[in-house]
Amino acid sequence: MQRQNLRSVNNTKSPLSFKNAIKDIHTPKGRYVIYAILTMSIVAPILQKMIGLVASDNIALYITLGIMVIGLFCVAFKMDKISEVINQHQLDKLNQRLKNKKETNHSDA
């Protein structure tokens, strides 16, 4: 009887599983979020050092934390618009490469 209970618990799927997170990272929006977090994590220490020159360390930490949180929210809310611009840029580059390839094929013939 205990084995049946353990099996039912093991077979439940949580919406917060690592498998779902890994699948979501491989989508364009998932990569966008990862890039945003990495960018903010690189900018934060630099900004904190700069603010630390003007204010005390604790205040600089709070100001930097506030700026990064607000920045991440803004980037997250503008995700669709920014993704459209990036996708359009990638599409333009692809079309240009195809056009160049077509031109080189015609010149070889």
N, C-alpha and C. Protein backbone atom coordinates (compact mmCIF):
# COMPACT_ATOMS: atom_id res chain seq x y z
N MET A 1 0.82 -1.19 0.00
CA MET A 1 0.00 0.00 0.00
C MET A 1 0.87 1.26 0.00
N GLN A 2 1.95 1.23 0.69
CA GLN A 2 2.84 2.38 0.72
C GLN A 2 3.47 2.62 -0.64
N ARG A 3 3.79 1.58 -1.38
CA ARG A 3 4.41 1.75 -2.70
C ARG A 3 3.47 2.49 -3.65
N GLN A 4 2.20 2.20 -3.58
CA GLN A 4 1.25 2.90 -4.44
C GLN A 4 1.24 4.39 -4.12
N ASN A 5 1.29 4.74 -2.86
CA ASN A 5 1.31 6.15 -2.48
C ASN A 5 2.58 6.84 -2.99
N LEU A 6 3.71 6.17 -2.89
CA LEU A 6 4.96 6.75 -3.36
C LEU A 6 4.94 6.94 -4.87
N ARG A 7 4.38 5.99 -5.59
CA ARG A 7 4.32 6.11 -7.04
C ARG A 7 3.46 7.30 -7.44
N SER A 8 2.35 7.49 -6.77
CA SER A 8 1.47 8.60 -7.14
C SER A 8 2.15 9.94 -6.87
N VAL A 9 2.93 10.02 -5.82
CA VAL A 9 3.65 11.26 -5.52
C VAL A 9 4.75 11.48 -6.55
N ASN A 10 5.46 10.44 -6.93
CA ASN A 10 6.54 10.58 -7.89
C ASN A 10 6.04 10.91 -9.30
N ASN A 11 4.83 10.51 -9.63
CA ASN A 11 4.31 10.75 -10.96
C ASN A 11 3.64 12.11 -11.11
N THR A 12 3.49 12.85 -10.04
CA THR A 12 2.88 14.17 -10.16
C THR A 12 3.86 15.11 -10.84
N LYS A 13 3.32 15.98 -11.67
CA LYS A 13 4.17 16.91 -12.39
C LYS A 13 3.93 18.32 -11.86
N SER A 14 4.98 18.94 -11.46
CA SER A 14 4.90 20.30 -10.94
C SER A 14 5.11 21.28 -12.09
N PRO A 15 4.39 22.38 -12.10
CA PRO A 15 4.61 23.37 -13.17
C PRO A 15 5.96 24.06 -13.02
N LEU A 16 6.63 23.88 -11.90
CA LEU A 16 7.91 24.51 -11.67
C LEU A 16 9.06 23.51 -11.76
N SER A 17 8.91 22.50 -12.57
CA SER A 17 9.96 21.49 -12.67
C SER A 17 11.12 22.01 -13.50
N PHE A 18 12.29 21.41 -13.31
CA PHE A 18 13.47 21.83 -14.04
C PHE A 18 13.36 21.50 -15.53
N LYS A 19 12.66 20.43 -15.86
CA LYS A 19 12.49 20.08 -17.27
C LYS A 19 11.75 21.18 -18.02
N ASN A 20 10.69 21.71 -17.40
CA ASN A 20 9.96 22.81 -18.03
C ASN A 20 10.83 24.05 -18.14
N ALA A 21 11.62 24.32 -17.12
CA ALA A 21 12.48 25.50 -17.15
C ALA A 21 13.52 25.38 -18.26
N ILE A 22 14.08 24.21 -18.44
CA ILE A 22 15.08 24.01 -19.49
C ILE A 22 14.44 24.17 -20.86
N LYS A 23 13.23 23.66 -21.03
CA LYS A 23 12.53 23.83 -22.31
C LYS A 23 12.24 25.30 -22.57
N ASP A 24 11.86 26.04 -21.53
CA ASP A 24 11.54 27.45 -21.70
C ASP A 24 12.76 28.29 -22.02
N ILE A 25 13.93 27.89 -21.54
CA ILE A 25 15.16 28.65 -21.81
C ILE A 25 15.52 28.58 -23.28
N HIS A 26 15.16 27.52 -23.95
CA HIS A 26 15.53 27.35 -25.35
C HIS A 26 14.59 28.09 -26.30
N THR A 27 13.58 28.76 -25.77
CA THR A 27 12.71 29.58 -26.60
C THR A 27 13.33 30.98 -26.73
N PRO A 28 12.94 31.74 -27.72
CA PRO A 28 13.49 33.11 -27.85
C PRO A 28 13.22 33.97 -26.62
N LYS A 29 12.03 33.85 -26.03
CA LYS A 29 11.73 34.65 -24.84
C LYS A 29 12.56 34.19 -23.65
N GLY A 30 12.82 32.91 -23.55
CA GLY A 30 13.66 32.40 -22.47
C GLY A 30 15.08 32.91 -22.58
N ARG A 31 15.63 32.90 -23.80
CA ARG A 31 16.97 33.44 -24.00
C ARG A 31 16.99 34.94 -23.71
N TYR A 32 15.95 35.63 -24.08
CA TYR A 32 15.86 37.06 -23.83
C TYR A 32 15.93 37.35 -22.33
N VAL A 33 15.18 36.57 -21.54
CA VAL A 33 15.18 36.76 -20.09
C VAL A 33 16.56 36.47 -19.51
N ILE A 34 17.19 35.40 -19.97
CA ILE A 34 18.53 35.07 -19.48
C ILE A 34 19.52 36.18 -19.82
N TYR A 35 19.47 36.68 -21.06
CA TYR A 35 20.36 37.78 -21.46
C TYR A 35 20.10 39.03 -20.62
N ALA A 36 18.85 39.33 -20.34
CA ALA A 36 18.53 40.50 -19.52
C ALA A 36 19.08 40.34 -18.11
N ILE A 37 18.92 39.17 -17.54
CA ILE A 37 19.43 38.94 -16.18
C ILE A 37 20.95 39.01 -16.16
N LEU A 38 21.60 38.41 -17.15
CA LEU A 38 23.07 38.47 -17.20
C LEU A 38 23.57 39.90 -17.38
N THR A 39 22.91 40.65 -18.25
CA THR A 39 23.31 42.04 -18.47
C THR A 39 23.17 42.86 -17.19
N MET A 40 22.05 42.69 -16.52
CA MET A 40 21.84 43.43 -15.28
C MET A 40 22.83 43.01 -14.20
N SER A 41 23.18 41.72 -14.17
CA SER A 41 24.12 41.26 -13.14
C SER A 41 25.54 41.76 -13.42
N ILE A 42 25.84 42.08 -14.66
CA ILE A 42 27.15 42.67 -14.98
C ILE A 42 27.15 44.17 -14.69
N VAL A 43 26.04 44.83 -14.98
CA VAL A 43 25.95 46.28 -14.80
C VAL A 43 25.84 46.65 -13.32
N ALA A 44 25.19 45.83 -12.52
CA ALA A 44 24.92 46.15 -11.12
C ALA A 44 26.18 46.45 -10.30
N PRO A 45 27.22 45.62 -10.32
CA PRO A 45 28.40 45.95 -9.51
C PRO A 45 29.10 47.25 -9.96
N ILE A 46 29.10 47.49 -11.26
CA ILE A 46 29.72 48.71 -11.77
C ILE A 46 28.94 49.93 -11.29
N LEU A 47 27.62 49.84 -11.41
CA LEU A 47 26.77 50.94 -10.95
C LEU A 47 26.89 51.15 -9.45
N GLN A 48 26.98 50.07 -8.70
CA GLN A 48 27.11 50.19 -7.25
C GLN A 48 28.42 50.87 -6.87
N LYS A 49 29.50 50.55 -7.57
CA LYS A 49 30.79 51.21 -7.29
C LYS A 49 30.71 52.70 -7.59
N MET A 50 30.04 53.05 -8.70
CA MET A 50 29.92 54.45 -9.06
C MET A 50 29.06 55.22 -8.06
N ILE A 51 27.95 54.63 -7.64
CA ILE A 51 27.09 55.28 -6.65
C ILE A 51 27.78 55.30 -5.29
N GLY A 52 28.60 54.29 -5.01
CA GLY A 52 29.33 54.22 -3.75
C GLY A 52 30.32 55.35 -3.57
N LEU A 53 30.77 55.95 -4.67
CA LEU A 53 31.66 57.11 -4.58
C LEU A 53 30.94 58.34 -4.05
N VAL A 54 29.64 58.41 -4.28
CA VAL A 54 28.85 59.57 -3.88
C VAL A 54 28.14 59.33 -2.56
N ALA A 55 27.65 58.13 -2.34
CA ALA A 55 26.85 57.82 -1.14
C ALA A 55 27.54 56.71 -0.35
N SER A 56 26.98 56.40 0.81
CA SER A 56 27.54 55.32 1.62
C SER A 56 27.24 53.97 0.96
N ASP A 57 27.93 52.94 1.42
CA ASP A 57 27.80 51.62 0.80
C ASP A 57 26.39 51.06 0.89
N ASN A 58 25.75 51.19 2.06
CA ASN A 58 24.39 50.66 2.21
C ASN A 58 23.40 51.37 1.29
N ILE A 59 23.49 52.67 1.23
CA ILE A 59 22.59 53.44 0.37
C ILE A 59 22.86 53.11 -1.09
N ALA A 60 24.13 52.95 -1.45
CA ALA A 60 24.49 52.60 -2.82
C ALA A 60 23.92 51.24 -3.19
N LEU A 61 23.95 50.30 -2.26
CA LEU A 61 23.39 48.98 -2.50
C LEU A 61 21.89 49.06 -2.75
N TYR A 62 21.18 49.80 -1.92
CA TYR A 62 19.73 49.92 -2.08
C TYR A 62 19.35 50.64 -3.37
N ILE A 63 20.09 51.69 -3.70
CA ILE A 63 19.81 52.41 -4.95
C ILE A 63 20.05 51.51 -6.15
N THR A 64 21.17 50.79 -6.14
CA THR A 64 21.49 49.89 -7.24
C THR A 64 20.44 48.78 -7.36
N LEU A 65 20.05 48.21 -6.23
CA LEU A 65 19.04 47.16 -6.24
C LEU A 65 17.72 47.68 -6.81
N GLY A 66 17.34 48.88 -6.41
CA GLY A 66 16.11 49.48 -6.94
C GLY A 66 16.18 49.72 -8.43
N ILE A 67 17.30 50.25 -8.90
CA ILE A 67 17.47 50.50 -10.33
C ILE A 67 17.43 49.19 -11.12
N MET A 68 18.07 48.16 -10.62
CA MET A 68 18.09 46.88 -11.34
C MET A 68 16.71 46.23 -11.37
N VAL A 69 15.97 46.29 -10.28
CA VAL A 69 14.63 45.70 -10.25
C VAL A 69 13.71 46.45 -11.20
N ILE A 70 13.74 47.78 -11.15
CA ILE A 70 12.91 48.58 -12.06
C ILE A 70 13.33 48.31 -13.51
N GLY A 71 14.62 48.23 -13.75
CA GLY A 71 15.12 47.94 -15.10
C GLY A 71 14.66 46.59 -15.61
N LEU A 72 14.71 45.58 -14.77
CA LEU A 72 14.25 44.25 -15.18
C LEU A 72 12.75 44.23 -15.46
N PHE A 73 11.98 44.94 -14.65
CA PHE A 73 10.54 45.02 -14.92
C PHE A 73 10.27 45.72 -16.25
N CYS A 74 10.98 46.82 -16.50
CA CYS A 74 10.79 47.53 -17.77
C CYS A 74 11.16 46.64 -18.95
N VAL A 75 12.27 45.95 -18.84
CA VAL A 75 12.71 45.06 -19.92
C VAL A 75 11.73 43.92 -20.11
N ALA A 76 11.19 43.40 -19.02
CA ALA A 76 10.24 42.30 -19.12
C ALA A 76 8.93 42.76 -19.76
N PHE A 77 8.47 43.97 -19.42
CA PHE A 77 7.23 44.46 -20.00
C PHE A 77 7.37 44.86 -21.46
N LYS A 78 8.57 45.23 -21.87
CA LYS A 78 8.81 45.59 -23.27
C LYS A 78 9.36 44.41 -24.08
N MET A 79 9.30 43.22 -23.53
CA MET A 79 9.89 42.04 -24.16
C MET A 79 9.36 41.82 -25.57
N ASP A 80 8.08 41.91 -25.76
CA ASP A 80 7.50 41.65 -27.08
C ASP A 80 7.97 42.66 -28.12
N LYS A 81 7.99 43.92 -27.75
CA LYS A 81 8.41 44.96 -28.68
C LYS A 81 9.90 44.81 -29.03
N ILE A 82 10.72 44.55 -28.03
CA ILE A 82 12.15 44.38 -28.27
C ILE A 82 12.40 43.11 -29.08
N SER A 83 11.66 42.05 -28.80
CA SER A 83 11.80 40.81 -29.56
C SER A 83 11.44 41.01 -31.02
N GLU A 84 10.40 41.81 -31.28
CA GLU A 84 10.02 42.10 -32.66
C GLU A 84 11.16 42.81 -33.41
N VAL A 85 11.79 43.76 -32.76
CA VAL A 85 12.89 44.49 -33.39
C VAL A 85 14.06 43.55 -33.67
N ILE A 86 14.39 42.69 -32.71
CA ILE A 86 15.48 41.74 -32.89
C ILE A 86 15.16 40.76 -34.00
N ASN A 87 13.93 40.24 -34.02
CA ASN A 87 13.53 39.30 -35.07
C ASN A 87 13.55 39.95 -36.45
N GLN A 88 13.12 41.21 -36.53
CA GLN A 88 13.15 41.92 -37.80
C GLN A 88 14.59 42.11 -38.29
N HIS A 89 15.48 42.44 -37.35
CA HIS A 89 16.89 42.60 -37.70
C HIS A 89 17.49 41.29 -38.21
N GLN A 90 17.16 40.19 -37.51
CA GLN A 90 17.66 38.89 -37.95
C GLN A 90 17.09 38.50 -39.31
N LEU A 91 15.84 38.81 -39.55
CA LEU A 91 15.22 38.52 -40.84
C LEU A 91 15.87 39.34 -41.95
N ASP A 92 16.17 40.60 -41.68
CA ASP A 92 16.85 41.44 -42.67
C ASP A 92 18.23 40.88 -43.00
N LYS A 93 18.96 40.45 -41.98
CA LYS A 93 20.29 39.87 -42.22
C LYS A 93 20.19 38.59 -43.03
N LEU A 94 19.20 37.75 -42.74
CA LEU A 94 19.01 36.52 -43.49
C LEU A 94 18.66 36.81 -44.94
N ASN A 95 17.77 37.76 -45.17
CA ASN A 95 17.41 38.12 -46.54
C ASN A 95 18.61 38.67 -47.30
N GLN A 96 19.44 39.45 -46.63
CA GLN A 96 20.64 39.99 -47.27
C GLN A 96 21.61 38.87 -47.64
N ARG A 97 21.78 37.91 -46.74
CA ARG A 97 22.67 36.77 -47.05
C ARG A 97 22.14 35.97 -48.22
N LEU A 98 20.82 35.72 -48.25
CA LEU A 98 20.23 34.97 -49.36
C LEU A 98 20.38 35.74 -50.67
N LYS A 99 20.21 37.05 -50.62
CA LYS A 99 20.37 37.87 -51.81
C LYS A 99 21.81 37.82 -52.31
N ASN A 100 22.77 37.93 -51.39
CA ASN A 100 24.19 37.85 -51.77
C ASN A 100 24.53 36.48 -52.35
N LYS A 101 23.98 35.43 -51.75
CA LYS A 101 24.24 34.07 -52.24
C LYS A 101 23.65 33.89 -53.64
N LYS A 102 22.45 34.44 -53.86
CA LYS A 102 21.80 34.34 -55.17
C LYS A 102 22.62 35.09 -56.22
N GLU A 103 23.14 36.26 -55.85
CA GLU A 103 23.96 37.05 -56.78
C GLU A 103 25.26 36.34 -57.12
N THR A 104 25.88 35.70 -56.14
CA THR A 104 27.13 34.99 -56.41
C THR A 104 26.87 33.76 -57.27
N ASN A 105 25.72 33.11 -57.11
CA ASN A 105 25.39 31.95 -57.94
C ASN A 105 25.15 32.37 -59.39
N HIS A 106 24.54 33.53 -59.59
CA HIS A 106 24.31 34.01 -60.96
C HIS A 106 25.61 34.44 -61.63
N SER A 107 26.52 34.99 -60.85
CA SER A 107 27.78 35.43 -61.45
C SER A 107 28.69 34.25 -61.79
N ASP A 108 28.55 33.13 -61.07
CA ASP A 108 29.34 31.95 -61.37
C ASP A 108 28.87 31.25 -62.63
N ALA A 109 27.61 31.37 -62.97
CA ALA A 109 27.04 30.66 -64.12
C ALA A 109 27.36 31.28 -65.43
